N, C-alpha and C. Protein backbone atom coordinates (compact mmCIF):
# COMPACT_ATOMS: atom_id res chain seq x y z
N MET A 1 0.85 -1.17 0.00
CA MET A 1 0.00 0.00 0.00
C MET A 1 0.89 1.23 0.00
N GLU A 2 0.57 2.19 -0.86
CA GLU A 2 1.35 3.40 -0.94
C GLU A 2 0.98 4.32 0.21
N ILE A 3 1.98 4.87 0.85
CA ILE A 3 1.77 5.76 1.99
C ILE A 3 1.80 7.19 1.50
N PRO A 4 0.77 7.99 1.83
CA PRO A 4 0.79 9.38 1.42
C PRO A 4 2.01 10.09 1.99
N ASP A 5 2.64 10.92 1.19
CA ASP A 5 3.82 11.67 1.63
C ASP A 5 3.37 13.06 2.03
N HIS A 6 3.44 13.37 3.31
CA HIS A 6 3.01 14.67 3.81
C HIS A 6 4.17 15.37 4.47
N ASP A 7 4.37 16.63 4.08
CA ASP A 7 5.35 17.44 4.78
C ASP A 7 4.77 17.93 6.10
N ASP A 8 3.44 18.01 6.15
CA ASP A 8 2.75 18.53 7.32
C ASP A 8 2.40 17.35 8.23
N LEU A 9 3.01 17.29 9.40
CA LEU A 9 2.75 16.20 10.33
C LEU A 9 1.36 16.26 10.93
N ARG A 10 0.61 17.32 10.65
CA ARG A 10 -0.74 17.45 11.18
C ARG A 10 -1.79 16.89 10.24
N THR A 11 -1.42 16.39 9.09
CA THR A 11 -2.39 15.82 8.16
C THR A 11 -2.27 14.31 8.15
N LEU A 12 -3.38 13.63 8.42
CA LEU A 12 -3.44 12.17 8.47
C LEU A 12 -4.49 11.71 7.48
N GLU A 13 -4.22 10.63 6.74
CA GLU A 13 -5.19 10.11 5.78
C GLU A 13 -5.31 8.61 5.92
N THR A 14 -6.52 8.11 5.67
CA THR A 14 -6.73 6.67 5.63
C THR A 14 -6.89 6.25 4.17
N SER A 15 -6.77 4.97 3.93
CA SER A 15 -6.91 4.43 2.58
C SER A 15 -8.37 4.36 2.14
N PHE A 16 -9.32 4.57 3.08
CA PHE A 16 -10.72 4.44 2.72
C PHE A 16 -11.47 5.77 2.72
N GLY A 17 -10.73 6.88 2.55
CA GLY A 17 -11.40 8.14 2.26
C GLY A 17 -11.60 9.13 3.39
N GLU A 18 -10.77 9.07 4.41
CA GLU A 18 -10.83 10.04 5.50
C GLU A 18 -9.53 10.85 5.50
N ARG A 19 -9.65 12.15 5.73
CA ARG A 19 -8.46 12.99 5.90
C ARG A 19 -8.70 13.85 7.14
N PHE A 20 -7.72 13.87 8.03
CA PHE A 20 -7.79 14.63 9.26
C PHE A 20 -6.66 15.65 9.26
N THR A 21 -7.00 16.92 9.39
CA THR A 21 -5.99 17.96 9.53
C THR A 21 -6.14 18.52 10.93
N LEU A 22 -5.12 18.28 11.75
CA LEU A 22 -5.16 18.69 13.15
C LEU A 22 -4.92 20.20 13.22
N GLN A 23 -5.93 20.94 13.68
CA GLN A 23 -5.83 22.40 13.74
C GLN A 23 -5.36 22.88 15.10
N ASP A 24 -5.98 22.41 16.16
CA ASP A 24 -5.59 22.75 17.53
C ASP A 24 -5.46 21.43 18.28
N THR A 25 -4.28 21.15 18.78
CA THR A 25 -4.02 19.88 19.45
C THR A 25 -4.00 20.07 20.97
N ALA A 26 -3.87 18.96 21.68
CA ALA A 26 -3.76 19.02 23.13
C ALA A 26 -2.56 19.88 23.53
N ALA A 27 -1.47 19.76 22.79
CA ALA A 27 -0.27 20.55 23.08
C ALA A 27 -0.54 22.05 22.88
N ASP A 28 -1.35 22.38 21.88
CA ASP A 28 -1.67 23.78 21.59
C ASP A 28 -2.62 24.39 22.61
N THR A 29 -3.48 23.57 23.20
CA THR A 29 -4.58 24.08 24.04
C THR A 29 -4.46 23.67 25.50
N ASP A 30 -3.29 23.21 25.90
CA ASP A 30 -3.09 22.75 27.28
C ASP A 30 -4.08 21.64 27.65
N GLY A 31 -4.38 20.77 26.65
CA GLY A 31 -5.23 19.62 26.89
C GLY A 31 -6.72 19.87 26.86
N LYS A 32 -7.12 21.12 26.62
CA LYS A 32 -8.55 21.46 26.68
C LYS A 32 -9.33 21.04 25.45
N LEU A 33 -8.66 20.96 24.28
CA LEU A 33 -9.38 20.80 23.03
C LEU A 33 -8.51 20.14 21.97
N LEU A 34 -9.14 19.30 21.16
CA LEU A 34 -8.54 18.82 19.91
C LEU A 34 -9.51 19.21 18.81
N ARG A 35 -9.07 20.11 17.91
CA ARG A 35 -9.90 20.56 16.79
C ARG A 35 -9.31 20.00 15.51
N ILE A 36 -10.18 19.35 14.71
CA ILE A 36 -9.73 18.65 13.50
C ILE A 36 -10.60 19.07 12.34
N GLU A 37 -9.97 19.43 11.23
CA GLU A 37 -10.74 19.56 9.99
C GLU A 37 -10.79 18.17 9.40
N THR A 38 -11.99 17.64 9.27
CA THR A 38 -12.20 16.27 8.82
C THR A 38 -12.86 16.29 7.45
N THR A 39 -12.30 15.50 6.53
CA THR A 39 -12.87 15.39 5.19
C THR A 39 -13.19 13.92 4.93
N LEU A 40 -14.41 13.66 4.45
CA LEU A 40 -14.84 12.30 4.14
C LEU A 40 -15.33 12.25 2.69
N VAL A 41 -14.92 11.21 1.98
CA VAL A 41 -15.45 11.01 0.63
C VAL A 41 -16.84 10.38 0.74
N PRO A 42 -17.64 10.43 -0.32
CA PRO A 42 -18.97 9.81 -0.26
C PRO A 42 -18.90 8.33 0.13
N GLY A 43 -19.83 7.93 0.97
CA GLY A 43 -19.91 6.53 1.38
C GLY A 43 -19.20 6.19 2.67
N VAL A 44 -18.32 7.05 3.16
CA VAL A 44 -17.60 6.76 4.40
C VAL A 44 -18.55 6.90 5.58
N LYS A 45 -18.59 5.86 6.42
CA LYS A 45 -19.43 5.86 7.62
C LYS A 45 -18.64 5.24 8.75
N ARG A 46 -18.65 5.89 9.90
CA ARG A 46 -17.96 5.37 11.08
C ARG A 46 -18.90 4.49 11.88
N PRO A 47 -18.38 3.42 12.49
CA PRO A 47 -19.23 2.55 13.31
C PRO A 47 -19.80 3.29 14.52
N LEU A 48 -20.90 2.80 15.04
CA LEU A 48 -21.53 3.37 16.23
C LEU A 48 -20.54 3.29 17.40
N HIS A 49 -20.36 4.41 18.09
CA HIS A 49 -19.37 4.48 19.16
C HIS A 49 -19.74 5.62 20.10
N SER A 50 -18.99 5.72 21.19
CA SER A 50 -19.11 6.87 22.09
C SER A 50 -17.72 7.26 22.56
N HIS A 51 -17.63 8.45 23.11
CA HIS A 51 -16.40 8.95 23.71
C HIS A 51 -16.71 9.13 25.20
N PRO A 52 -16.30 8.17 26.05
CA PRO A 52 -16.74 8.17 27.44
C PRO A 52 -16.48 9.46 28.21
N ASP A 53 -15.34 10.10 27.95
CA ASP A 53 -14.97 11.28 28.73
C ASP A 53 -14.78 12.53 27.89
N GLN A 54 -15.37 12.55 26.70
CA GLN A 54 -15.23 13.70 25.81
C GLN A 54 -16.56 14.03 25.14
N GLN A 55 -16.84 15.32 25.01
CA GLN A 55 -17.93 15.72 24.15
C GLN A 55 -17.35 15.97 22.76
N GLU A 56 -18.18 15.77 21.74
CA GLU A 56 -17.73 15.98 20.36
C GLU A 56 -18.67 16.96 19.67
N ARG A 57 -18.09 17.97 19.07
CA ARG A 57 -18.86 18.98 18.33
C ARG A 57 -18.56 18.83 16.85
N PHE A 58 -19.61 18.91 16.03
CA PHE A 58 -19.50 18.82 14.58
C PHE A 58 -19.97 20.14 13.98
N VAL A 59 -19.16 20.73 13.09
CA VAL A 59 -19.53 21.94 12.36
C VAL A 59 -19.31 21.66 10.88
N VAL A 60 -20.38 21.69 10.07
CA VAL A 60 -20.28 21.35 8.65
C VAL A 60 -19.92 22.59 7.84
N HIS A 61 -18.91 22.44 6.96
CA HIS A 61 -18.48 23.54 6.08
C HIS A 61 -18.89 23.30 4.63
N GLU A 62 -18.87 22.04 4.21
CA GLU A 62 -19.16 21.70 2.81
C GLU A 62 -19.71 20.28 2.77
N GLY A 63 -20.75 20.06 1.98
CA GLY A 63 -21.33 18.72 1.86
C GLY A 63 -22.44 18.50 2.87
N THR A 64 -22.80 17.22 3.05
CA THR A 64 -23.90 16.85 3.93
C THR A 64 -23.44 15.78 4.91
N LEU A 65 -23.62 16.08 6.19
CA LEU A 65 -23.24 15.15 7.27
C LEU A 65 -24.48 14.42 7.74
N GLY A 66 -24.44 13.08 7.66
CA GLY A 66 -25.47 12.26 8.28
C GLY A 66 -25.00 11.94 9.69
N LEU A 67 -25.89 12.02 10.65
CA LEU A 67 -25.52 11.82 12.04
C LEU A 67 -26.64 11.07 12.75
N ALA A 68 -26.29 10.03 13.48
CA ALA A 68 -27.24 9.32 14.33
C ALA A 68 -26.74 9.44 15.76
N VAL A 69 -27.59 9.96 16.62
CA VAL A 69 -27.26 10.13 18.04
C VAL A 69 -28.33 9.37 18.82
N GLU A 70 -27.89 8.32 19.50
CA GLU A 70 -28.80 7.38 20.16
C GLU A 70 -29.82 6.91 19.13
N ASP A 71 -31.11 7.20 19.30
CA ASP A 71 -32.14 6.70 18.38
C ASP A 71 -32.58 7.74 17.35
N GLU A 72 -31.95 8.91 17.33
CA GLU A 72 -32.35 9.98 16.42
C GLU A 72 -31.35 10.10 15.27
N GLU A 73 -31.87 10.22 14.06
CA GLU A 73 -31.02 10.36 12.87
C GLU A 73 -31.39 11.65 12.15
N PHE A 74 -30.37 12.41 11.74
CA PHE A 74 -30.63 13.67 11.05
C PHE A 74 -29.44 14.02 10.17
N VAL A 75 -29.59 15.08 9.37
CA VAL A 75 -28.50 15.56 8.52
C VAL A 75 -28.20 17.01 8.85
N LEU A 76 -26.93 17.37 8.65
CA LEU A 76 -26.50 18.75 8.83
C LEU A 76 -25.92 19.24 7.51
N GLU A 77 -26.28 20.45 7.16
CA GLU A 77 -25.82 21.09 5.93
C GLU A 77 -24.77 22.16 6.30
N PRO A 78 -24.09 22.73 5.31
CA PRO A 78 -23.08 23.76 5.61
C PRO A 78 -23.64 24.87 6.49
N GLY A 79 -22.86 25.23 7.50
CA GLY A 79 -23.25 26.26 8.45
C GLY A 79 -23.96 25.72 9.67
N GLU A 80 -24.36 24.44 9.65
CA GLU A 80 -25.05 23.85 10.79
C GLU A 80 -24.06 23.10 11.68
N GLU A 81 -24.42 22.96 12.94
CA GLU A 81 -23.55 22.28 13.90
C GLU A 81 -24.37 21.61 14.98
N THR A 82 -23.73 20.68 15.67
CA THR A 82 -24.35 20.02 16.83
C THR A 82 -23.23 19.50 17.72
N THR A 83 -23.59 19.26 18.98
CA THR A 83 -22.65 18.72 19.95
C THR A 83 -23.22 17.44 20.54
N VAL A 84 -22.38 16.42 20.63
CA VAL A 84 -22.77 15.13 21.21
C VAL A 84 -22.12 15.04 22.59
N ALA A 85 -22.93 14.81 23.61
CA ALA A 85 -22.43 14.74 24.98
C ALA A 85 -21.54 13.52 25.19
N ALA A 86 -20.61 13.63 26.13
CA ALA A 86 -19.74 12.51 26.49
C ALA A 86 -20.58 11.29 26.84
N GLY A 87 -20.12 10.13 26.37
CA GLY A 87 -20.78 8.86 26.68
C GLY A 87 -22.00 8.55 25.83
N THR A 88 -22.35 9.42 24.88
CA THR A 88 -23.55 9.23 24.07
C THR A 88 -23.22 8.45 22.79
N PRO A 89 -23.86 7.32 22.55
CA PRO A 89 -23.61 6.57 21.32
C PRO A 89 -24.00 7.39 20.09
N HIS A 90 -23.12 7.39 19.10
CA HIS A 90 -23.39 8.13 17.86
C HIS A 90 -22.57 7.55 16.72
N THR A 91 -22.97 7.88 15.53
CA THR A 91 -22.22 7.54 14.33
C THR A 91 -22.43 8.67 13.34
N PHE A 92 -21.53 8.78 12.36
CA PHE A 92 -21.68 9.83 11.35
C PHE A 92 -21.16 9.32 10.02
N TRP A 93 -21.64 9.98 8.94
CA TRP A 93 -21.26 9.53 7.61
C TRP A 93 -21.42 10.68 6.62
N ASN A 94 -20.80 10.53 5.48
CA ASN A 94 -20.99 11.47 4.38
C ASN A 94 -22.31 11.10 3.72
N ALA A 95 -23.32 11.94 3.88
CA ALA A 95 -24.66 11.65 3.36
C ALA A 95 -24.91 12.28 2.00
N GLY A 96 -23.88 12.84 1.39
CA GLY A 96 -24.06 13.50 0.10
C GLY A 96 -23.31 12.80 -1.02
N ASP A 97 -23.35 13.42 -2.19
CA ASP A 97 -22.67 12.86 -3.37
C ASP A 97 -21.25 13.40 -3.53
N GLY A 98 -20.93 14.47 -2.83
CA GLY A 98 -19.60 15.06 -2.93
C GLY A 98 -18.85 14.93 -1.63
N GLU A 99 -17.67 15.51 -1.61
CA GLU A 99 -16.83 15.47 -0.41
C GLU A 99 -17.50 16.22 0.74
N LEU A 100 -17.38 15.68 1.94
CA LEU A 100 -17.86 16.33 3.16
C LEU A 100 -16.66 16.92 3.88
N ARG A 101 -16.76 18.21 4.20
CA ARG A 101 -15.70 18.87 4.97
C ARG A 101 -16.34 19.48 6.21
N MET A 102 -15.81 19.10 7.36
CA MET A 102 -16.37 19.59 8.63
C MET A 102 -15.25 19.75 9.65
N THR A 103 -15.57 20.47 10.70
CA THR A 103 -14.67 20.56 11.85
C THR A 103 -15.27 19.70 12.95
N THR A 104 -14.41 18.89 13.57
CA THR A 104 -14.84 18.14 14.76
C THR A 104 -13.97 18.62 15.91
N GLU A 105 -14.57 18.73 17.07
CA GLU A 105 -13.85 19.14 18.27
C GLU A 105 -14.10 18.13 19.38
N HIS A 106 -13.04 17.72 20.04
CA HIS A 106 -13.15 16.83 21.19
C HIS A 106 -12.70 17.62 22.42
N ARG A 107 -13.58 17.68 23.44
CA ARG A 107 -13.26 18.39 24.68
C ARG A 107 -13.48 17.46 25.87
N PRO A 108 -12.48 17.27 26.73
CA PRO A 108 -11.10 17.69 26.58
C PRO A 108 -10.39 16.85 25.51
N ALA A 109 -9.18 17.25 25.17
CA ALA A 109 -8.45 16.56 24.10
C ALA A 109 -8.09 15.13 24.48
N LEU A 110 -7.76 14.91 25.74
CA LEU A 110 -7.26 13.62 26.22
C LEU A 110 -6.20 13.09 25.25
N ARG A 111 -6.30 11.82 24.84
CA ARG A 111 -5.32 11.22 23.93
C ARG A 111 -5.95 10.88 22.58
N PHE A 112 -6.98 11.65 22.19
CA PHE A 112 -7.66 11.32 20.94
C PHE A 112 -6.74 11.48 19.73
N GLU A 113 -5.84 12.44 19.75
CA GLU A 113 -4.88 12.56 18.64
C GLU A 113 -4.05 11.29 18.52
N GLU A 114 -3.59 10.75 19.63
CA GLU A 114 -2.81 9.51 19.61
C GLU A 114 -3.65 8.36 19.05
N PHE A 115 -4.94 8.32 19.43
CA PHE A 115 -5.82 7.28 18.91
C PHE A 115 -5.92 7.38 17.38
N LEU A 116 -6.15 8.58 16.87
CA LEU A 116 -6.23 8.77 15.41
C LEU A 116 -4.94 8.34 14.73
N ARG A 117 -3.82 8.76 15.29
CA ARG A 117 -2.52 8.40 14.70
C ARG A 117 -2.32 6.88 14.71
N ALA A 118 -2.75 6.22 15.78
CA ALA A 118 -2.62 4.76 15.87
C ALA A 118 -3.48 4.08 14.80
N MET A 119 -4.70 4.57 14.61
CA MET A 119 -5.59 3.97 13.60
C MET A 119 -5.04 4.19 12.18
N VAL A 120 -4.50 5.37 11.91
CA VAL A 120 -3.91 5.64 10.59
C VAL A 120 -2.68 4.76 10.38
N ALA A 121 -1.87 4.61 11.41
CA ALA A 121 -0.70 3.73 11.30
C ALA A 121 -1.12 2.29 11.04
N LEU A 122 -2.16 1.83 11.72
CA LEU A 122 -2.65 0.47 11.52
C LEU A 122 -3.18 0.30 10.10
N ASP A 123 -3.87 1.32 9.59
CA ASP A 123 -4.35 1.30 8.21
C ASP A 123 -3.18 1.17 7.24
N ARG A 124 -2.12 1.92 7.47
CA ARG A 124 -0.94 1.87 6.59
C ARG A 124 -0.30 0.49 6.57
N GLU A 125 -0.43 -0.23 7.69
CA GLU A 125 0.14 -1.57 7.78
C GLU A 125 -0.81 -2.63 7.22
N GLY A 126 -2.00 -2.22 6.77
CA GLY A 126 -2.98 -3.18 6.28
C GLY A 126 -3.69 -3.91 7.40
N GLY A 127 -3.74 -3.31 8.58
CA GLY A 127 -4.29 -3.97 9.76
C GLY A 127 -5.73 -3.65 10.07
N LEU A 128 -6.45 -3.00 9.13
CA LEU A 128 -7.87 -2.71 9.35
C LEU A 128 -8.72 -3.55 8.43
N ASP A 129 -9.92 -3.91 8.90
CA ASP A 129 -10.83 -4.66 8.06
C ASP A 129 -11.61 -3.71 7.14
N ALA A 130 -12.56 -4.23 6.39
CA ALA A 130 -13.32 -3.43 5.42
C ALA A 130 -14.14 -2.33 6.08
N GLU A 131 -14.45 -2.46 7.36
CA GLU A 131 -15.22 -1.44 8.08
C GLU A 131 -14.32 -0.43 8.78
N GLY A 132 -13.00 -0.56 8.59
CA GLY A 132 -12.07 0.37 9.22
C GLY A 132 -11.77 0.06 10.67
N MET A 133 -11.97 -1.18 11.07
CA MET A 133 -11.70 -1.60 12.45
C MET A 133 -10.51 -2.56 12.46
N PRO A 134 -9.79 -2.68 13.61
CA PRO A 134 -8.65 -3.58 13.65
C PRO A 134 -9.02 -5.01 13.27
N ALA A 135 -8.28 -5.58 12.32
CA ALA A 135 -8.54 -6.94 11.87
C ALA A 135 -8.08 -7.98 12.88
N ASN A 136 -7.04 -7.67 13.63
CA ASN A 136 -6.50 -8.59 14.62
C ASN A 136 -7.16 -8.28 15.97
N PRO A 137 -7.85 -9.26 16.58
CA PRO A 137 -8.55 -8.99 17.85
C PRO A 137 -7.61 -8.60 18.99
N LEU A 138 -6.37 -9.08 18.97
CA LEU A 138 -5.44 -8.69 20.02
C LEU A 138 -5.05 -7.22 19.89
N VAL A 139 -4.82 -6.77 18.67
CA VAL A 139 -4.52 -5.35 18.44
C VAL A 139 -5.74 -4.52 18.81
N GLY A 140 -6.94 -5.01 18.42
CA GLY A 140 -8.17 -4.32 18.79
C GLY A 140 -8.31 -4.17 20.29
N ALA A 141 -8.01 -5.24 21.04
CA ALA A 141 -8.09 -5.18 22.50
C ALA A 141 -7.08 -4.19 23.06
N ALA A 142 -5.86 -4.17 22.50
CA ALA A 142 -4.85 -3.22 22.96
C ALA A 142 -5.31 -1.78 22.73
N LEU A 143 -5.92 -1.53 21.57
CA LEU A 143 -6.44 -0.18 21.28
C LEU A 143 -7.58 0.19 22.23
N LEU A 144 -8.56 -0.73 22.39
CA LEU A 144 -9.69 -0.44 23.26
C LEU A 144 -9.26 -0.18 24.69
N HIS A 145 -8.30 -0.96 25.16
CA HIS A 145 -7.84 -0.79 26.53
C HIS A 145 -6.98 0.47 26.66
N GLY A 146 -6.10 0.69 25.71
CA GLY A 146 -5.20 1.84 25.78
C GLY A 146 -5.91 3.18 25.63
N PHE A 147 -7.03 3.18 24.89
CA PHE A 147 -7.77 4.42 24.65
C PHE A 147 -9.20 4.32 25.19
N ARG A 148 -9.35 3.70 26.35
CA ARG A 148 -10.68 3.47 26.91
C ARG A 148 -11.40 4.76 27.32
N ARG A 149 -10.68 5.85 27.55
CA ARG A 149 -11.33 7.14 27.87
C ARG A 149 -11.76 7.88 26.61
N GLU A 150 -11.14 7.52 25.48
CA GLU A 150 -11.39 8.24 24.24
C GLU A 150 -12.39 7.56 23.31
N MET A 151 -12.43 6.23 23.31
CA MET A 151 -13.24 5.52 22.31
C MET A 151 -13.87 4.27 22.90
N ARG A 152 -15.18 4.12 22.65
CA ARG A 152 -15.89 2.93 23.10
C ARG A 152 -16.83 2.48 21.98
N PRO A 153 -16.48 1.40 21.27
CA PRO A 153 -17.40 0.89 20.24
C PRO A 153 -18.69 0.39 20.89
N ALA A 154 -19.82 0.70 20.25
CA ALA A 154 -21.11 0.32 20.81
C ALA A 154 -21.38 -1.17 20.74
N ASP A 155 -20.68 -1.88 19.84
CA ASP A 155 -20.97 -3.30 19.68
C ASP A 155 -20.17 -4.20 20.62
N VAL A 156 -19.40 -3.61 21.54
CA VAL A 156 -18.66 -4.41 22.52
C VAL A 156 -19.43 -4.35 23.84
N PRO A 157 -20.04 -5.48 24.27
CA PRO A 157 -20.84 -5.49 25.50
C PRO A 157 -20.00 -5.09 26.72
N THR A 158 -20.66 -4.49 27.69
CA THR A 158 -19.99 -4.00 28.89
C THR A 158 -19.15 -5.08 29.59
N PRO A 159 -19.67 -6.32 29.81
CA PRO A 159 -18.84 -7.33 30.48
C PRO A 159 -17.56 -7.65 29.69
N VAL A 160 -17.67 -7.68 28.37
CA VAL A 160 -16.50 -7.95 27.53
C VAL A 160 -15.51 -6.80 27.68
N ARG A 161 -16.02 -5.57 27.64
CA ARG A 161 -15.16 -4.39 27.74
C ARG A 161 -14.46 -4.33 29.09
N ARG A 162 -15.18 -4.67 30.15
CA ARG A 162 -14.61 -4.55 31.50
C ARG A 162 -13.72 -5.71 31.90
N VAL A 163 -14.02 -6.91 31.41
CA VAL A 163 -13.27 -8.10 31.85
C VAL A 163 -12.37 -8.64 30.74
N ALA A 164 -12.95 -8.95 29.60
CA ALA A 164 -12.17 -9.61 28.55
C ALA A 164 -11.15 -8.70 27.87
N VAL A 165 -11.52 -7.44 27.61
CA VAL A 165 -10.60 -6.55 26.90
C VAL A 165 -9.29 -6.35 27.66
N PRO A 166 -9.31 -6.06 28.99
CA PRO A 166 -8.02 -5.93 29.69
C PRO A 166 -7.19 -7.21 29.67
N VAL A 167 -7.87 -8.37 29.76
CA VAL A 167 -7.15 -9.64 29.70
C VAL A 167 -6.53 -9.84 28.32
N LEU A 168 -7.31 -9.59 27.26
CA LEU A 168 -6.78 -9.73 25.90
C LEU A 168 -5.68 -8.72 25.62
N ALA A 169 -5.79 -7.52 26.18
CA ALA A 169 -4.73 -6.51 26.01
C ALA A 169 -3.44 -6.99 26.67
N ALA A 170 -3.55 -7.64 27.83
CA ALA A 170 -2.36 -8.18 28.50
C ALA A 170 -1.76 -9.32 27.68
N VAL A 171 -2.61 -10.18 27.12
CA VAL A 171 -2.13 -11.26 26.26
C VAL A 171 -1.45 -10.67 25.02
N ALA A 172 -2.05 -9.63 24.45
CA ALA A 172 -1.47 -8.97 23.28
C ALA A 172 -0.07 -8.47 23.59
N SER A 173 0.10 -7.89 24.76
CA SER A 173 1.41 -7.37 25.16
C SER A 173 2.43 -8.50 25.28
N VAL A 174 2.02 -9.62 25.87
CA VAL A 174 2.92 -10.77 26.03
C VAL A 174 3.40 -11.29 24.68
N PHE A 175 2.51 -11.29 23.68
CA PHE A 175 2.85 -11.81 22.36
C PHE A 175 3.39 -10.75 21.41
N GLY A 176 3.62 -9.55 21.93
CA GLY A 176 4.26 -8.51 21.12
C GLY A 176 3.32 -7.69 20.26
N TYR A 177 2.02 -7.82 20.50
CA TYR A 177 1.06 -6.98 19.78
C TYR A 177 0.78 -5.76 20.64
N GLY A 178 0.58 -4.65 19.99
CA GLY A 178 0.29 -3.45 20.76
C GLY A 178 -0.34 -2.38 19.91
N VAL A 179 -0.42 -1.22 20.48
CA VAL A 179 -0.98 -0.07 19.79
C VAL A 179 0.03 0.42 18.77
N PRO A 180 -0.36 0.55 17.51
CA PRO A 180 0.56 1.05 16.49
C PRO A 180 1.02 2.46 16.82
N ASP A 181 2.21 2.81 16.36
CA ASP A 181 2.78 4.13 16.59
C ASP A 181 3.20 4.69 15.25
N ASP A 182 2.68 5.85 14.89
CA ASP A 182 3.05 6.42 13.58
C ASP A 182 4.41 7.07 13.63
N SER A 183 5.02 7.14 14.80
CA SER A 183 6.35 7.73 15.01
C SER A 183 6.41 9.18 14.52
N ARG A 184 5.22 9.78 14.29
CA ARG A 184 5.12 11.17 13.88
C ARG A 184 5.99 11.48 12.67
N SER A 185 6.10 10.48 11.78
CA SER A 185 6.91 10.65 10.57
C SER A 185 6.05 11.08 9.41
N ALA A 186 6.46 12.12 8.71
CA ALA A 186 5.72 12.58 7.53
C ALA A 186 5.72 11.51 6.45
N ALA A 187 6.74 10.69 6.40
CA ALA A 187 6.80 9.63 5.40
C ALA A 187 5.99 8.43 5.82
N GLY A 188 5.49 8.46 7.06
CA GLY A 188 4.57 7.41 7.49
C GLY A 188 5.26 6.19 8.03
N SER A 189 6.52 6.27 8.47
CA SER A 189 7.11 5.07 9.02
C SER A 189 6.46 4.80 10.36
N VAL A 190 6.14 3.52 10.58
CA VAL A 190 5.39 3.14 11.76
C VAL A 190 6.09 2.00 12.47
N ALA A 191 5.89 1.97 13.78
CA ALA A 191 6.36 0.83 14.53
C ALA A 191 5.40 -0.31 14.28
N SER A 192 5.91 -1.50 14.17
CA SER A 192 5.06 -2.66 13.87
C SER A 192 4.13 -2.95 15.02
N THR A 193 2.99 -3.51 14.70
CA THR A 193 2.05 -3.93 15.73
C THR A 193 2.44 -5.28 16.29
N ARG A 194 3.48 -5.84 15.76
CA ARG A 194 4.00 -7.10 16.29
C ARG A 194 5.50 -6.99 16.37
N SER A 195 6.05 -7.23 17.55
CA SER A 195 7.50 -7.16 17.71
C SER A 195 8.16 -8.32 17.00
N PRO A 196 9.41 -8.13 16.50
CA PRO A 196 10.09 -9.22 15.83
C PRO A 196 10.45 -10.33 16.78
């Protein structure tokens, strides 16, 4: 897989049509905010998830954002915005025929930038499935456990998340699987998710 060559370490791209340009990071805001210009090609949809300790704000600049928050589904057009409270299950997608450009904000920033970088690094290694989720369950457990304050997939039952995920994350560590690291390289060199 060809890795995008970026001179700007704040631009991250996935192979399935997402581009994240980090505008204000935790380092810039003393941990209060992570602001990202997010671009999605038509058809991109994120799985249902929540951010346990972060609220997320969406501001649409171009295109149409489809958004489902708990049991309510709606669309936002350019100039419209909404905020999803911490811990609230939601998903979003490009609901139009053209590119969607929006700003997303996570408050507080926590380690969400690291989570994004880890997912992009995993994508570069070919470690994501067709839905953009970790293909290896041990790597998935390491990610879920390592970023448990930032990301919670809705399809992982609470007992599994509380008991099995920490155990699988420990097993992953023993066998050399872990959270990918993009090493903050513009050329995209990444640490392997499996130690030699």
